[in-house]
Amino acid sequence: EGKPAAATTTTRLTRKSSKGKDVVNPKSSTDKATTTAPPPNIITYTSFIAGLARSRDRSLARKADATLVRMERAGVTPDVVAYTSVLNCWAKANNRRERELAAARSLRILDEMEKRFARGDYQVKPSLISYATAIRAIGNSMD
């Protein structure tokens, strides 16, 4: 009664005997199938990074960068939205240390996007928004 039905379910496999009766497979009658969350995908990671950019906390650029690295290590290829969301975090940085890093990091992100696009990864073609956001990050780093 205390567990939700979706958390653990008991599976019971049956087969028809030659006489038409249901016969329980003894190995599977006690097997439990547990549901697990699917692994994060491009939408999960990008939504998280975009959420960091929308946060009132303006010192999350390095966290967004780390999420981008984690995403790639997990085998999820970032797209233009993921990269631009990280650029947006750098553009909004207001803590001194992150503002000092913002210009260089934004240029490295754009460079990475352009190189990947040149190699044929069309999902990372920098958009006008990507360039404008990087310019904003560079401008804010000079304040």
C-alpha atoms as a PDB file:
ATOM      1  CA  GLU A   1       0.000   0.000   0.000  1.00  0.00           C
ATOM      2  CA  GLY A   2       2.906   2.367   0.683  1.00  0.00           C
ATOM      3  CA  LYS A   3       4.608   1.844  -2.711  1.00  0.00           C
ATOM      4  CA  PRO A   4       3.333   3.425  -5.907  1.00  0.00           C
ATOM      5  CA  ALA A   5       2.296   0.894  -8.521  1.00  0.00           C
ATOM      6  CA  ALA A   6       4.785   2.204 -11.092  1.00  0.00           C
ATOM      7  CA  ALA A   7       7.793   1.795  -8.795  1.00  0.00           C
ATOM      8  CA  THR A   8       7.785  -2.012  -8.654  1.00  0.00           C
ATOM      9  CA  THR A   9       5.660  -4.446 -10.568  1.00  0.00           C
ATOM     10  CA  THR A  10       5.601  -8.210 -10.482  1.00  0.00           C
ATOM     11  CA  THR A  11       5.621  -9.928 -13.836  1.00  0.00           C
ATOM     12  CA  ARG A  12       4.118 -13.296 -14.389  1.00  0.00           C
ATOM     13  CA  LEU A  13       4.664 -15.056 -17.670  1.00  0.00           C
ATOM     14  CA  THR A  14       2.364 -17.816 -18.767  1.00  0.00           C
ATOM     15  CA  ARG A  15       2.276 -20.113 -21.709  1.00  0.00           C
ATOM     16  CA  LYS A  16      -0.332 -22.401 -23.112  1.00  0.00           C
ATOM     17  CA  SER A  17       0.184 -26.076 -22.519  1.00  0.00           C
ATOM     18  CA  SER A  18      -0.614 -28.565 -25.238  1.00  0.00           C
ATOM     19  CA  LYS A  19      -4.063 -29.007 -23.627  1.00  0.00           C
ATOM     20  CA  GLY A  20      -4.856 -25.243 -23.715  1.00  0.00           C
ATOM     21  CA  LYS A  21      -4.278 -24.609 -20.000  1.00  0.00           C
ATOM     22  CA  ASP A  22      -2.232 -21.639 -18.750  1.00  0.00           C
ATOM     23  CA  VAL A  23       1.011 -22.814 -17.228  1.00  0.00           C
ATOM     24  CA  VAL A  24       3.039 -20.403 -15.108  1.00  0.00           C
ATOM     25  CA  ASN A  25       6.686 -20.135 -15.921  1.00  0.00           C
ATOM     26  CA  PRO A  26       8.252 -20.805 -12.505  1.00  0.00           C
ATOM     27  CA  LYS A  27      11.383 -18.753 -13.167  1.00  0.00           C
ATOM     28  CA  SER A  28       9.474 -15.579 -13.975  1.00  0.00           C
ATOM     29  CA  SER A  29       6.755 -15.740 -11.346  1.00  0.00           C
ATOM     30  CA  THR A  30       9.022 -14.177  -8.752  1.00  0.00           C
ATOM     31  CA  ASP A  31      10.964 -11.857 -11.065  1.00  0.00           C
ATOM     32  CA  LYS A  32      10.409  -8.202 -10.332  1.00  0.00           C
ATOM     33  CA  ALA A  33      10.722  -5.576 -13.001  1.00  0.00           C
ATOM     34  CA  THR A  34      11.589  -2.182 -11.657  1.00  0.00           C
ATOM     35  CA  THR A  35      11.053   0.946 -13.626  1.00  0.00           C
ATOM     36  CA  THR A  36      13.968   3.301 -13.983  1.00  0.00           C
ATOM     37  CA  ALA A  37      14.141   6.810 -15.313  1.00  0.00           C
ATOM     38  CA  PRO A  38      15.511   7.104 -18.831  1.00  0.00           C
ATOM     39  CA  PRO A  39      19.006   8.584 -19.133  1.00  0.00           C
ATOM     40  CA  PRO A  40      19.259  12.338 -19.726  1.00  0.00           C
ATOM     41  CA  ASN A  41      19.100  13.380 -23.365  1.00  0.00           C
ATOM     42  CA  ILE A  42      19.694  16.586 -25.348  1.00  0.00           C
ATOM     43  CA  ILE A  43      16.388  18.051 -24.157  1.00  0.00           C
ATOM     44  CA  THR A  44      17.122  17.287 -20.496  1.00  0.00           C
ATOM     45  CA  TYR A  45      20.588  18.821 -20.555  1.00  0.00           C
ATOM     46  CA  THR A  46      19.585  21.851 -22.632  1.00  0.00           C
ATOM     47  CA  SER A  47      16.581  22.557 -20.412  1.00  0.00           C
ATOM     48  CA  PHE A  48      18.820  22.426 -17.351  1.00  0.00           C
ATOM     49  CA  ILE A  49      21.377  24.811 -18.880  1.00  0.00           C
ATOM     50  CA  ALA A  50      18.609  27.172 -20.054  1.00  0.00           C
ATOM     51  CA  GLY A  51      17.216  27.105 -16.522  1.00  0.00           C
ATOM     52  CA  LEU A  52      20.618  28.151 -15.190  1.00  0.00           C
ATOM     53  CA  ALA A  53      20.617  31.060 -17.641  1.00  0.00           C
ATOM     54  CA  ARG A  54      17.160  32.158 -16.468  1.00  0.00           C
ATOM     55  CA  SER A  55      18.115  31.946 -12.808  1.00  0.00           C
ATOM     56  CA  ARG A  56      18.418  35.071 -10.686  1.00  0.00           C
ATOM     57  CA  ASP A  57      21.767  33.723  -9.514  1.00  0.00           C
ATOM     58  CA  ARG A  58      24.207  35.223 -12.006  1.00  0.00           C
ATOM     59  CA  SER A  59      27.200  33.126 -11.010  1.00  0.00           C
ATOM     60  CA  LEU A  60      26.217  29.915 -12.763  1.00  0.00           C
ATOM     61  CA  ALA A  61      28.264  30.139 -15.960  1.00  0.00           C
ATOM     62  CA  ARG A  62      30.890  27.656 -14.782  1.00  0.00           C
ATOM     63  CA  LYS A  63      28.127  25.266 -13.732  1.00  0.00           C
ATOM     64  CA  ALA A  64      26.590  25.565 -17.211  1.00  0.00           C
ATOM     65  CA  ASP A  65      30.007  24.855 -18.733  1.00  0.00           C
ATOM     66  CA  ALA A  66      30.449  21.816 -16.491  1.00  0.00           C
ATOM     67  CA  THR A  67      27.019  20.554 -17.560  1.00  0.00           C
ATOM     68  CA  LEU A  68      28.074  20.868 -21.199  1.00  0.00           C
ATOM     69  CA  VAL A  69      31.170  18.763 -20.468  1.00  0.00           C
ATOM     70  CA  ARG A  70      29.102  16.185 -18.537  1.00  0.00           C
ATOM     71  CA  MET A  71      26.675  16.059 -21.457  1.00  0.00           C
ATOM     72  CA  GLU A  72      29.461  15.228 -23.915  1.00  0.00           C
ATOM     73  CA  ARG A  73      30.941  12.609 -21.580  1.00  0.00           C
ATOM     74  CA  ALA A  74      27.517  10.966 -21.383  1.00  0.00           C
ATOM     75  CA  GLY A  75      27.542  10.622 -25.161  1.00  0.00           C
ATOM     76  CA  VAL A  76      24.971  13.343 -25.791  1.00  0.00           C
ATOM     77  CA  THR A  77      26.055  15.707 -28.545  1.00  0.00           C
ATOM     78  CA  PRO A  78      25.295  19.363 -27.751  1.00  0.00           C
ATOM     79  CA  ASP A  79      23.439  21.354 -30.369  1.00  0.00           C
ATOM     80  CA  VAL A  80      23.276  25.089 -31.107  1.00  0.00           C
ATOM     81  CA  VAL A  81      20.650  25.584 -28.378  1.00  0.00           C
ATOM     82  CA  ALA A  82      22.830  23.979 -25.703  1.00  0.00           C
ATOM     83  CA  TYR A  83      25.880  25.999 -26.698  1.00  0.00           C
ATOM     84  CA  THR A  84      23.906  29.244 -26.953  1.00  0.00           C
ATOM     85  CA  SER A  85      22.377  28.619 -23.529  1.00  0.00           C
ATOM     86  CA  VAL A  86      25.887  28.309 -22.069  1.00  0.00           C
ATOM     87  CA  LEU A  87      26.876  31.508 -23.864  1.00  0.00           C
ATOM     88  CA  ASN A  88      23.823  33.154 -22.305  1.00  0.00           C
ATOM     89  CA  CYS A  89      25.040  32.143 -18.838  1.00  0.00           C
ATOM     90  CA  TRP A  90      28.424  33.713 -19.556  1.00  0.00           C
ATOM     91  CA  ALA A  91      26.736  36.865 -20.856  1.00  0.00           C
ATOM     92  CA  LYS A  92      24.745  37.210 -17.628  1.00  0.00           C
ATOM     93  CA  ALA A  93      27.648  36.546 -15.277  1.00  0.00           C
ATOM     94  CA  ASN A  94      28.067  39.289 -12.734  1.00  0.00           C
ATOM     95  CA  ASN A  95      30.548  37.886 -10.276  1.00  0.00           C
ATOM     96  CA  ARG A  96      33.974  39.314 -10.982  1.00  0.00           C
ATOM     97  CA  ARG A  97      35.766  36.013 -11.569  1.00  0.00           C
ATOM     98  CA  GLU A  98      33.204  34.776 -14.103  1.00  0.00           C
ATOM     99  CA  ARG A  99      33.107  38.144 -15.884  1.00  0.00           C
ATOM    100  CA  GLU A 100      36.881  37.949 -16.321  1.00  0.00           C
ATOM    101  CA  LEU A 101      36.512  34.491 -17.885  1.00  0.00           C
ATOM    102  CA  ALA A 102      33.435  35.348 -19.975  1.00  0.00           C
ATOM    103  CA  ALA A 103      35.147  36.864 -23.010  1.00  0.00           C
ATOM    104  CA  ALA A 104      37.720  34.112 -23.464  1.00  0.00           C
ATOM    105  CA  ARG A 105      35.269  31.312 -22.772  1.00  0.00           C
ATOM    106  CA  SER A 106      32.638  32.747 -25.124  1.00  0.00           C
ATOM    107  CA  LEU A 107      35.166  32.968 -27.937  1.00  0.00           C
ATOM    108  CA  ARG A 108      36.282  29.362 -27.282  1.00  0.00           C
ATOM    109  CA  ILE A 109      32.665  28.163 -27.389  1.00  0.00           C
ATOM    110  CA  LEU A 110      32.061  29.965 -30.702  1.00  0.00           C
ATOM    111  CA  ASP A 111      35.310  28.549 -32.073  1.00  0.00           C
ATOM    112  CA  GLU A 112      34.283  25.039 -31.065  1.00  0.00           C
ATOM    113  CA  MET A 113      30.871  25.483 -32.667  1.00  0.00           C
ATOM    114  CA  GLU A 114      32.398  26.766 -35.918  1.00  0.00           C
ATOM    115  CA  LYS A 115      34.946  23.918 -36.082  1.00  0.00           C
ATOM    116  CA  ARG A 116      32.301  21.267 -35.479  1.00  0.00           C
ATOM    117  CA  PHE A 117      30.067  22.854 -38.108  1.00  0.00           C
ATOM    118  CA  ALA A 118      32.976  22.888 -40.590  1.00  0.00           C
ATOM    119  CA  ARG A 119      33.443  19.136 -39.942  1.00  0.00           C
ATOM    120  CA  GLY A 120      29.825  18.531 -40.944  1.00  0.00           C
ATOM    121  CA  ASP A 121      27.945  18.720 -37.650  1.00  0.00           C
ATOM    122  CA  TYR A 122      25.063  20.881 -38.844  1.00  0.00           C
ATOM    123  CA  GLN A 123      23.324  20.829 -35.453  1.00  0.00           C
ATOM    124  CA  VAL A 124      25.886  23.284 -34.043  1.00  0.00           C
ATOM    125  CA  LYS A 125      25.921  25.943 -36.745  1.00  0.00           C
ATOM    126  CA  PRO A 126      26.230  29.197 -34.781  1.00  0.00           C
ATOM    127  CA  SER A 127      23.148  31.361 -35.187  1.00  0.00           C
ATOM    128  CA  LEU A 128      22.849  35.121 -35.075  1.00  0.00           C
ATOM    129  CA  ILE A 129      21.651  34.675 -31.498  1.00  0.00           C
ATOM    130  CA  SER A 130      24.831  32.727 -30.690  1.00  0.00           C
ATOM    131  CA  TYR A 131      27.030  35.522 -32.031  1.00  0.00           C
ATOM    132  CA  ALA A 132      24.989  38.280 -30.380  1.00  0.00           C
ATOM    133  CA  THR A 133      25.082  36.457 -27.039  1.00  0.00           C
ATOM    134  CA  ALA A 134      28.862  36.004 -27.276  1.00  0.00           C
ATOM    135  CA  ILE A 135      29.254  39.702 -28.084  1.00  0.00           C
ATOM    136  CA  ARG A 136      27.140  40.539 -25.051  1.00  0.00           C
ATOM    137  CA  ALA A 137      29.353  38.301 -22.876  1.00  0.00           C
ATOM    138  CA  ILE A 138      32.477  40.008 -24.194  1.00  0.00           C
ATOM    139  CA  GLY A 139      30.962  43.458 -23.628  1.00  0.00           C
ATOM    140  CA  ASN A 140      29.901  42.607 -20.087  1.00  0.00           C
ATOM    141  CA  SER A 141      33.360  41.299 -19.273  1.00  0.00           C
ATOM    142  CA  MET A 142      34.813  44.755 -19.940  1.00  0.00           C
ATOM    143  CA  ASP A 143      32.648  46.572 -17.398  1.00  0.00           C
END
